[in-house]
Amino acid sequence: MKHQETLLNTLLTSNSLNGLSLDEIGEDHLYTGIDTPMKPDAFKVSDNEKKEKIADLFSQIMDVMGLDLTDDSLKGTPQRVAKMYIDEIFSGLNPANKPKIALFDNKYQYNQMLIEKDIQFYSNCEHHFVPIIGKAHVAYISSGKVIGLSKLNRIVQYYAKRPQVQERLTNQIAVDLQNILETEDVAVIIDAKHLCVSSRGVKDDSSSTITCFYGGAFNKQEKIVELQNYLKS
C-alpha cells in the first residue's frame, strides 16, 4: 500500500510529461511508443493476487464515491471488476495469453493481397479507461507462408485487450504480423469510436478516428488504392 501511495503522489505532483505540463496537455492524448508501458516486474504477482488487490482497491473507490457496499447489488462488484480486468478486457497485457500461431505453406500459390476486413474489437483508452469500439482491416501479401484467417482476428483481439492508444494498437498488430509472416507486405487500418471523446470531454458522438499502417508493397499508391477499393465493396 505504501508503494501505491508513493506512486500515486508522484503522478499527481509531476509537473511535466514529454516536456509538457499537465495543464498544457489537457485533454490531448500522448503516444509514447509502440510498446505498451509496463513495469519490469509486471508478472511477478499472480493473476489471483492481482484480482484480490484490484477488488480491494476498487471497493475503496466505491466507498469514496459514497456507494453502499453492503447492498446486495453492489457487494460483489469489486470482485466482478477485478475478474473482468484480469481475465477479460485487459487480458492482452499478459504475454501468456498471446494466441499460438501456426503458419502453412502457400500451396495455392496465391500471391495477391489477402484481406480480413471488419474485425470488430473492443479496447479501452489508457488515458481515461473508457471503451474504444471499432473495426480493424488487416491485409498481407504472402512471402511463401500463410496464416489461418481466424488468427488474424485473434491477434487484433490480443492487442486490443489492454489499455490502448489507437496509433499504438495499429502498429502493434502490423509489426507483429510482419514478424510472424516474415514479410514487410502488411497493412492495417483501424476505424474506431472513442468514448472518451463521445461520452465526456468534448462530447462529440459523430466522429471516429482512422489510423493506418502500410508496410512494404502497401506503400505503393496503386496498392493503397486497390486495398481501399476492396474495403469499400
C-alpha atoms as a PDB file:
ATOM      1  CA  MET A   1       0.000   0.000   0.000  1.00  0.00           C
ATOM      2  CA  LYS A   2       2.894   2.390   0.827  1.00  0.00           C
ATOM      3  CA  HIS A   3       4.359   1.847  -2.645  1.00  0.00           C
ATOM      4  CA  GLN A   4       0.976   2.552  -4.245  1.00  0.00           C
ATOM      5  CA  GLU A   5       0.565   5.767  -2.251  1.00  0.00           C
ATOM      6  CA  THR A   6       4.086   6.909  -3.231  1.00  0.00           C
ATOM      7  CA  LEU A   7       3.417   6.160  -6.900  1.00  0.00           C
ATOM      8  CA  LEU A   8       0.098   7.997  -6.808  1.00  0.00           C
ATOM      9  CA  ASN A   9       1.666  11.049  -5.148  1.00  0.00           C
ATOM     10  CA  THR A  10       4.448  11.073  -7.752  1.00  0.00           C
ATOM     11  CA  LEU A  11       1.919  11.032 -10.583  1.00  0.00           C
ATOM     12  CA  LEU A  12      -0.223  13.749  -9.048  1.00  0.00           C
ATOM     13  CA  THR A  13       2.666  16.084  -8.253  1.00  0.00           C
ATOM     14  CA  SER A  14       4.573  15.595 -11.518  1.00  0.00           C
ATOM     15  CA  ASN A  15       4.778  18.901 -13.361  1.00  0.00           C
ATOM     16  CA  SER A  16       5.623  17.674 -16.834  1.00  0.00           C
ATOM     17  CA  LEU A  17       5.274  14.818 -19.270  1.00  0.00           C
ATOM     18  CA  ASN A  18       7.270  14.679 -22.518  1.00  0.00           C
ATOM     19  CA  GLY A  19       8.295  18.275 -21.836  1.00  0.00           C
ATOM     20  CA  LEU A  20       4.716  19.488 -21.482  1.00  0.00           C
ATOM     21  CA  SER A  21       2.923  20.449 -18.305  1.00  0.00           C
ATOM     22  CA  LEU A  22      -0.236  18.527 -17.424  1.00  0.00           C
ATOM     23  CA  ASP A  23      -2.208  21.742 -17.986  1.00  0.00           C
ATOM     24  CA  GLU A  24      -0.690  22.120 -21.466  1.00  0.00           C
ATOM     25  CA  ILE A  25      -1.539  18.517 -22.322  1.00  0.00           C
ATOM     26  CA  GLY A  26      -5.124  18.995 -21.163  1.00  0.00           C
ATOM     27  CA  GLU A  27      -7.413  16.580 -23.000  1.00  0.00           C
ATOM     28  CA  ASP A  28      -4.801  15.707 -25.634  1.00  0.00           C
ATOM     29  CA  HIS A  29      -3.569  12.128 -25.749  1.00  0.00           C
ATOM     30  CA  LEU A  30       0.091  11.184 -25.909  1.00  0.00           C
ATOM     31  CA  TYR A  31       1.514   8.270 -27.881  1.00  0.00           C
ATOM     32  CA  THR A  32       4.801   7.424 -26.176  1.00  0.00           C
ATOM     33  CA  GLY A  33       5.936   4.413 -28.228  1.00  0.00           C
ATOM     34  CA  ILE A  34       4.992   1.125 -29.853  1.00  0.00           C
ATOM     35  CA  ASP A  35       5.426  -0.908 -26.651  1.00  0.00           C
ATOM     36  CA  THR A  36       2.689  -0.878 -24.047  1.00  0.00           C
ATOM     37  CA  PRO A  37       4.176   0.851 -20.957  1.00  0.00           C
ATOM     38  CA  MET A  38       4.738  -1.948 -18.459  1.00  0.00           C
ATOM     39  CA  LYS A  39       6.685  -2.262 -15.211  1.00  0.00           C
ATOM     40  CA  PRO A  40       9.665  -4.674 -15.315  1.00  0.00           C
ATOM     41  CA  ASP A  41       8.102  -6.741 -12.536  1.00  0.00           C
ATOM     42  CA  ALA A  42       4.585  -6.724 -14.018  1.00  0.00           C
ATOM     43  CA  PHE A  43       4.195 -10.511 -13.859  1.00  0.00           C
ATOM     44  CA  LYS A  44       5.841 -11.326 -10.533  1.00  0.00           C
ATOM     45  CA  VAL A  45       2.380 -11.179  -8.982  1.00  0.00           C
ATOM     46  CA  SER A  46      -0.035 -13.964  -9.922  1.00  0.00           C
ATOM     47  CA  ASP A  47      -3.371 -13.245 -11.589  1.00  0.00           C
ATOM     48  CA  ASN A  48      -5.230 -14.318  -8.451  1.00  0.00           C
ATOM     49  CA  GLU A  49      -3.186 -11.932  -6.312  1.00  0.00           C
ATOM     50  CA  LYS A  50      -3.851  -9.138  -8.782  1.00  0.00           C
ATOM     51  CA  LYS A  51      -7.589  -9.812  -8.604  1.00  0.00           C
ATOM     52  CA  GLU A  52      -7.540  -9.665  -4.820  1.00  0.00           C
ATOM     53  CA  LYS A  53      -5.682  -6.336  -4.828  1.00  0.00           C
ATOM     54  CA  ILE A  54      -7.871  -4.814  -7.544  1.00  0.00           C
ATOM     55  CA  ALA A  55     -11.040  -5.890  -5.727  1.00  0.00           C
ATOM     56  CA  ASP A  56      -9.781  -4.279  -2.514  1.00  0.00           C
ATOM     57  CA  LEU A  57      -8.774  -1.050  -4.249  1.00  0.00           C
ATOM     58  CA  PHE A  58     -11.972  -0.831  -6.269  1.00  0.00           C
ATOM     59  CA  SER A  59     -14.060  -1.311  -3.137  1.00  0.00           C
ATOM     60  CA  GLN A  60     -12.204   1.701  -1.729  1.00  0.00           C
ATOM     61  CA  ILE A  61     -13.092   3.749  -4.821  1.00  0.00           C
ATOM     62  CA  MET A  62     -16.741   2.773  -4.485  1.00  0.00           C
ATOM     63  CA  ASP A  63     -16.659   3.658  -0.788  1.00  0.00           C
ATOM     64  CA  VAL A  64     -15.149   7.080  -1.515  1.00  0.00           C
ATOM     65  CA  MET A  65     -17.952   7.730  -4.013  1.00  0.00           C
ATOM     66  CA  GLY A  66     -20.448   7.005  -1.271  1.00  0.00           C
ATOM     67  CA  LEU A  67     -21.799   3.687  -2.540  1.00  0.00           C
ATOM     68  CA  ASP A  68     -23.166   1.190  -0.028  1.00  0.00           C
ATOM     69  CA  LEU A  69     -21.042  -1.941  -0.390  1.00  0.00           C
ATOM     70  CA  THR A  70     -23.406  -3.886   1.868  1.00  0.00           C
ATOM     71  CA  ASP A  71     -26.179  -3.617  -0.726  1.00  0.00           C
ATOM     72  CA  ASP A  72     -26.884  -6.969  -2.392  1.00  0.00           C
ATOM     73  CA  SER A  73     -26.497  -5.434  -5.858  1.00  0.00           C
ATOM     74  CA  LEU A  74     -23.092  -3.867  -5.113  1.00  0.00           C
ATOM     75  CA  LYS A  75     -21.338  -6.202  -2.695  1.00  0.00           C
ATOM     76  CA  GLY A  76     -19.933  -8.417  -5.476  1.00  0.00           C
ATOM     77  CA  THR A  77     -18.958  -5.559  -7.795  1.00  0.00           C
ATOM     78  CA  PRO A  78     -15.284  -5.203  -6.711  1.00  0.00           C
ATOM     79  CA  GLN A  79     -14.672  -8.909  -7.404  1.00  0.00           C
ATOM     80  CA  ARG A  80     -16.521  -8.730 -10.718  1.00  0.00           C
ATOM     81  CA  VAL A  81     -14.469  -5.734 -11.828  1.00  0.00           C
ATOM     82  CA  ALA A  82     -11.216  -7.431 -10.805  1.00  0.00           C
ATOM     83  CA  LYS A  83     -12.089 -10.581 -12.749  1.00  0.00           C
ATOM     84  CA  MET A  84     -13.137  -8.519 -15.769  1.00  0.00           C
ATOM     85  CA  TYR A  85      -9.857  -6.568 -15.743  1.00  0.00           C
ATOM     86  CA  ILE A  86      -7.526  -9.555 -15.474  1.00  0.00           C
ATOM     87  CA  ASP A  87      -9.402 -12.315 -17.345  1.00  0.00           C
ATOM     88  CA  GLU A  88     -11.198 -10.265 -19.990  1.00  0.00           C
ATOM     89  CA  ILE A  89     -10.762  -6.667 -21.074  1.00  0.00           C
ATOM     90  CA  PHE A  90      -7.072  -6.350 -20.096  1.00  0.00           C
ATOM     91  CA  SER A  91      -6.025  -9.959 -20.662  1.00  0.00           C
ATOM     92  CA  GLY A  92      -3.830  -8.844 -23.568  1.00  0.00           C
ATOM     93  CA  LEU A  93      -1.332  -7.367 -21.116  1.00  0.00           C
ATOM     94  CA  ASN A  94      -0.134 -10.864 -20.242  1.00  0.00           C
ATOM     95  CA  PRO A  95       2.133 -12.431 -22.911  1.00  0.00           C
ATOM     96  CA  ALA A  96       0.925 -15.853 -21.732  1.00  0.00           C
ATOM     97  CA  ASN A  97      -2.409 -15.035 -23.389  1.00  0.00           C
ATOM     98  CA  LYS A  98      -0.911 -14.346 -26.803  1.00  0.00           C
ATOM     99  CA  PRO A  99      -2.546 -16.630 -29.393  1.00  0.00           C
ATOM    100  CA  LYS A 100      -0.476 -19.537 -30.655  1.00  0.00           C
ATOM    101  CA  ILE A 101       0.171 -19.058 -34.354  1.00  0.00           C
ATOM    102  CA  ALA A 102       0.858 -21.784 -36.923  1.00  0.00           C
ATOM    103  CA  LEU A 103       2.000 -20.950 -40.437  1.00  0.00           C
ATOM    104  CA  PHE A 104       1.260 -23.012 -43.531  1.00  0.00           C
ATOM    105  CA  ASP A 105       2.929 -23.243 -46.904  1.00  0.00           C
ATOM    106  CA  ASN A 106       1.226 -21.180 -49.574  1.00  0.00           C
ATOM    107  CA  LYS A 107       0.369 -24.270 -51.624  1.00  0.00           C
ATOM    108  CA  TYR A 108      -2.344 -22.404 -53.527  1.00  0.00           C
ATOM    109  CA  GLN A 109       0.362 -20.075 -54.871  1.00  0.00           C
ATOM    110  CA  TYR A 110      -1.927 -17.159 -54.100  1.00  0.00           C
ATOM    111  CA  ASN A 111       0.310 -14.127 -54.495  1.00  0.00           C
ATOM    112  CA  GLN A 112      -2.172 -11.258 -54.320  1.00  0.00           C
ATOM    113  CA  MET A 113      -3.242  -9.422 -51.207  1.00  0.00           C
ATOM    114  CA  LEU A 114      -5.394 -11.223 -48.683  1.00  0.00           C
ATOM    115  CA  ILE A 115      -7.738  -9.031 -46.662  1.00  0.00           C
ATOM    116  CA  GLU A 116      -9.656  -9.738 -43.471  1.00  0.00           C
ATOM    117  CA  LYS A 117     -11.930  -6.744 -43.032  1.00  0.00           C
ATOM    118  CA  ASP A 118     -14.413  -5.529 -40.427  1.00  0.00           C
ATOM    119  CA  ILE A 119     -12.766  -7.266 -37.462  1.00  0.00           C
ATOM    120  CA  GLN A 120     -14.852  -5.941 -34.564  1.00  0.00           C
ATOM    121  CA  PHE A 121     -12.900  -5.151 -31.415  1.00  0.00           C
ATOM    122  CA  TYR A 122     -13.371  -3.531 -28.029  1.00  0.00           C
ATOM    123  CA  SER A 123     -10.463  -1.852 -26.326  1.00  0.00           C
ATOM    124  CA  ASN A 124     -10.016   0.778 -23.615  1.00  0.00           C
ATOM    125  CA  CYS A 125      -8.414   4.200 -23.769  1.00  0.00           C
ATOM    126  CA  GLU A 126      -5.379   4.260 -21.484  1.00  0.00           C
ATOM    127  CA  HIS A 127      -5.983   7.921 -20.613  1.00  0.00           C
ATOM    128  CA  HIS A 128      -9.472   7.561 -19.126  1.00  0.00           C
ATOM    129  CA  PHE A 129     -10.065   3.770 -19.079  1.00  0.00           C
ATOM    130  CA  VAL A 130     -13.250   4.047 -21.120  1.00  0.00           C
ATOM    131  CA  PRO A 131     -14.055   1.956 -24.215  1.00  0.00           C
ATOM    132  CA  ILE A 132     -12.690   2.251 -27.726  1.00  0.00           C
ATOM    133  CA  ILE A 133     -15.040   0.450 -30.118  1.00  0.00           C
ATOM    134  CA  GLY A 134     -14.037  -0.146 -33.693  1.00  0.00           C
ATOM    135  CA  LYS A 135     -13.208  -2.295 -36.678  1.00  0.00           C
ATOM    136  CA  ALA A 136      -9.818  -3.376 -37.952  1.00  0.00           C
ATOM    137  CA  HIS A 137      -8.966  -4.229 -41.552  1.00  0.00           C
ATOM    138  CA  VAL A 138      -5.862  -6.396 -41.992  1.00  0.00           C
ATOM    139  CA  ALA A 139      -4.139  -7.251 -45.271  1.00  0.00           C
ATOM    140  CA  TYR A 140      -0.949  -9.027 -46.268  1.00  0.00           C
ATOM    141  CA  ILE A 141       0.799 -10.479 -49.306  1.00  0.00           C
ATOM    142  CA  SER A 142       2.283 -13.913 -48.725  1.00  0.00           C
ATOM    143  CA  SER A 143       6.049 -14.360 -48.930  1.00  0.00           C
ATOM    144  CA  GLY A 144       5.586 -18.132 -49.043  1.00  0.00           C
ATOM    145  CA  LYS A 145       3.675 -18.681 -45.816  1.00  0.00           C
ATOM    146  CA  VAL A 146       0.041 -18.082 -44.880  1.00  0.00           C
ATOM    147  CA  ILE A 147      -1.780 -17.788 -41.582  1.00  0.00           C
ATOM    148  CA  GLY A 148      -5.204 -19.119 -40.601  1.00  0.00           C
ATOM    149  CA  LEU A 149      -7.857 -16.437 -41.070  1.00  0.00           C
ATOM    150  CA  SER A 150      -9.133 -16.692 -37.500  1.00  0.00           C
ATOM    151  CA  LYS A 151      -5.618 -15.985 -36.231  1.00  0.00           C
ATOM    152  CA  LEU A 152      -5.767 -12.511 -37.801  1.00  0.00           C
ATOM    153  CA  ASN A 153      -8.828 -11.815 -35.661  1.00  0.00           C
ATOM    154  CA  ARG A 154      -7.161 -13.251 -32.573  1.00  0.00           C
ATOM    155  CA  ILE A 155      -4.071 -11.079 -32.986  1.00  0.00           C
ATOM    156  CA  VAL A 156      -6.263  -7.978 -33.245  1.00  0.00           C
ATOM    157  CA  GLN A 157      -8.177  -9.003 -30.115  1.00  0.00           C
ATOM    158  CA  TYR A 158      -4.967  -9.756 -28.191  1.00  0.00           C
ATOM    159  CA  TYR A 159      -3.544  -6.277 -28.673  1.00  0.00           C
ATOM    160  CA  ALA A 160      -6.937  -4.614 -28.223  1.00  0.00           C
ATOM    161  CA  LYS A 161      -7.406  -6.206 -24.791  1.00  0.00           C
ATOM    162  CA  ARG A 162      -5.181  -3.782 -22.929  1.00  0.00           C
ATOM    163  CA  PRO A 163      -5.246  -0.069 -22.134  1.00  0.00           C
ATOM    164  CA  GLN A 164      -4.509   1.398 -25.550  1.00  0.00           C
ATOM    165  CA  VAL A 165      -3.814   4.320 -27.808  1.00  0.00           C
ATOM    166  CA  GLN A 166      -5.171   3.710 -31.303  1.00  0.00           C
ATOM    167  CA  GLU A 167      -1.897   4.578 -33.028  1.00  0.00           C
ATOM    168  CA  ARG A 168      -0.054   2.059 -30.870  1.00  0.00           C
ATOM    169  CA  LEU A 169      -2.713  -0.606 -31.412  1.00  0.00           C
ATOM    170  CA  THR A 170      -2.414  -0.203 -35.185  1.00  0.00           C
ATOM    171  CA  ASN A 171       1.366  -0.503 -35.155  1.00  0.00           C
ATOM    172  CA  GLN A 172       1.468  -3.399 -32.684  1.00  0.00           C
ATOM    173  CA  ILE A 173      -0.831  -5.501 -34.866  1.00  0.00           C
ATOM    174  CA  ALA A 174       1.085  -4.675 -38.032  1.00  0.00           C
ATOM    175  CA  VAL A 175       4.605  -5.198 -36.691  1.00  0.00           C
ATOM    176  CA  ASP A 176       3.659  -8.491 -35.044  1.00  0.00           C
ATOM    177  CA  LEU A 177       2.165  -9.756 -38.300  1.00  0.00           C
ATOM    178  CA  GLN A 178       5.288  -8.699 -40.202  1.00  0.00           C
ATOM    179  CA  ASN A 179       7.386 -10.748 -37.784  1.00  0.00           C
ATOM    180  CA  ILE A 180       5.057 -13.743 -37.855  1.00  0.00           C
ATOM    181  CA  LEU A 181       4.638 -13.814 -41.628  1.00  0.00           C
ATOM    182  CA  GLU A 182       8.257 -12.821 -42.341  1.00  0.00           C
ATOM    183  CA  THR A 183       7.195 -10.140 -44.778  1.00  0.00           C
ATOM    184  CA  GLU A 184       7.046  -6.355 -44.830  1.00  0.00           C
ATOM    185  CA  ASP A 185       3.919  -6.514 -47.001  1.00  0.00           C
ATOM    186  CA  VAL A 186       1.342  -5.901 -44.285  1.00  0.00           C
ATOM    187  CA  ALA A 187      -1.344  -3.232 -43.964  1.00  0.00           C
ATOM    188  CA  VAL A 188      -3.603  -2.427 -41.028  1.00  0.00           C
ATOM    189  CA  ILE A 189      -6.413   0.135 -40.990  1.00  0.00           C
ATOM    190  CA  ILE A 190      -8.451   0.841 -37.863  1.00  0.00           C
ATOM    191  CA  ASP A 191     -11.646   2.902 -37.682  1.00  0.00           C
ATOM    192  CA  ALA A 192     -12.821   3.415 -34.112  1.00  0.00           C
ATOM    193  CA  LYS A 193     -15.026   5.477 -31.859  1.00  0.00           C
ATOM    194  CA  HIS A 194     -13.554   6.689 -28.568  1.00  0.00           C
ATOM    195  CA  LEU A 195     -15.966   7.052 -25.675  1.00  0.00           C
ATOM    196  CA  CYS A 196     -13.547   9.464 -24.019  1.00  0.00           C
ATOM    197  CA  VAL A 197     -14.490  11.795 -26.893  1.00  0.00           C
ATOM    198  CA  SER A 198     -18.168  10.921 -27.309  1.00  0.00           C
ATOM    199  CA  SER A 199     -19.297  10.451 -23.703  1.00  0.00           C
ATOM    200  CA  ARG A 200     -17.157  13.028 -21.892  1.00  0.00           C
ATOM    201  CA  GLY A 201     -14.876  15.981 -22.635  1.00  0.00           C
ATOM    202  CA  VAL A 202     -15.903  17.464 -25.987  1.00  0.00           C
ATOM    203  CA  LYS A 203     -18.880  15.022 -26.129  1.00  0.00           C
ATOM    204  CA  ASP A 204     -18.746  14.559 -29.903  1.00  0.00           C
ATOM    205  CA  ASP A 205     -20.680  11.398 -30.719  1.00  0.00           C
ATOM    206  CA  SER A 206     -20.441  11.751 -34.511  1.00  0.00           C
ATOM    207  CA  SER A 207     -16.682  11.491 -35.092  1.00  0.00           C
ATOM    208  CA  SER A 208     -14.456   8.448 -35.428  1.00  0.00           C
ATOM    209  CA  THR A 209     -10.687   8.032 -35.656  1.00  0.00           C
ATOM    210  CA  ILE A 210      -8.869   6.275 -38.511  1.00  0.00           C
ATOM    211  CA  THR A 211      -5.272   5.079 -38.285  1.00  0.00           C
ATOM    212  CA  CYS A 212      -3.253   3.242 -40.945  1.00  0.00           C
ATOM    213  CA  PHE A 213      -0.077   1.221 -41.272  1.00  0.00           C
ATOM    214  CA  TYR A 214       1.281   0.495 -44.763  1.00  0.00           C
ATOM    215  CA  GLY A 215       4.335  -1.741 -44.991  1.00  0.00           C
ATOM    216  CA  GLY A 216       6.396  -2.983 -47.935  1.00  0.00           C
ATOM    217  CA  ALA A 217       4.370  -3.240 -51.158  1.00  0.00           C
ATOM    218  CA  PHE A 218       1.465  -1.434 -49.495  1.00  0.00           C
ATOM    219  CA  ASN A 219       3.486   1.780 -49.554  1.00  0.00           C
ATOM    220  CA  LYS A 220       2.870   1.956 -53.306  1.00  0.00           C
ATOM    221  CA  GLN A 221      -0.031   4.189 -54.287  1.00  0.00           C
ATOM    222  CA  GLU A 222      -1.607   1.590 -56.566  1.00  0.00           C
ATOM    223  CA  LYS A 223      -1.685  -0.974 -53.734  1.00  0.00           C
ATOM    224  CA  ILE A 224      -3.223   1.536 -51.336  1.00  0.00           C
ATOM    225  CA  VAL A 225      -5.931   2.335 -53.881  1.00  0.00           C
ATOM    226  CA  GLU A 226      -6.534  -1.375 -54.542  1.00  0.00           C
ATOM    227  CA  LEU A 227      -6.864  -2.067 -50.823  1.00  0.00           C
ATOM    228  CA  GLN A 228      -9.221   0.862 -50.255  1.00  0.00           C
ATOM    229  CA  ASN A 229     -11.383  -0.244 -53.175  1.00  0.00           C
ATOM    230  CA  TYR A 230     -11.738  -3.721 -51.669  1.00  0.00           C
ATOM    231  CA  LEU A 231     -12.708  -2.197 -48.324  1.00  0.00           C
ATOM    232  CA  LYS A 232     -15.437  -0.152 -49.961  1.00  0.00           C
ATOM    233  CA  SER A 233     -17.056  -3.206 -51.546  1.00  0.00           C
END
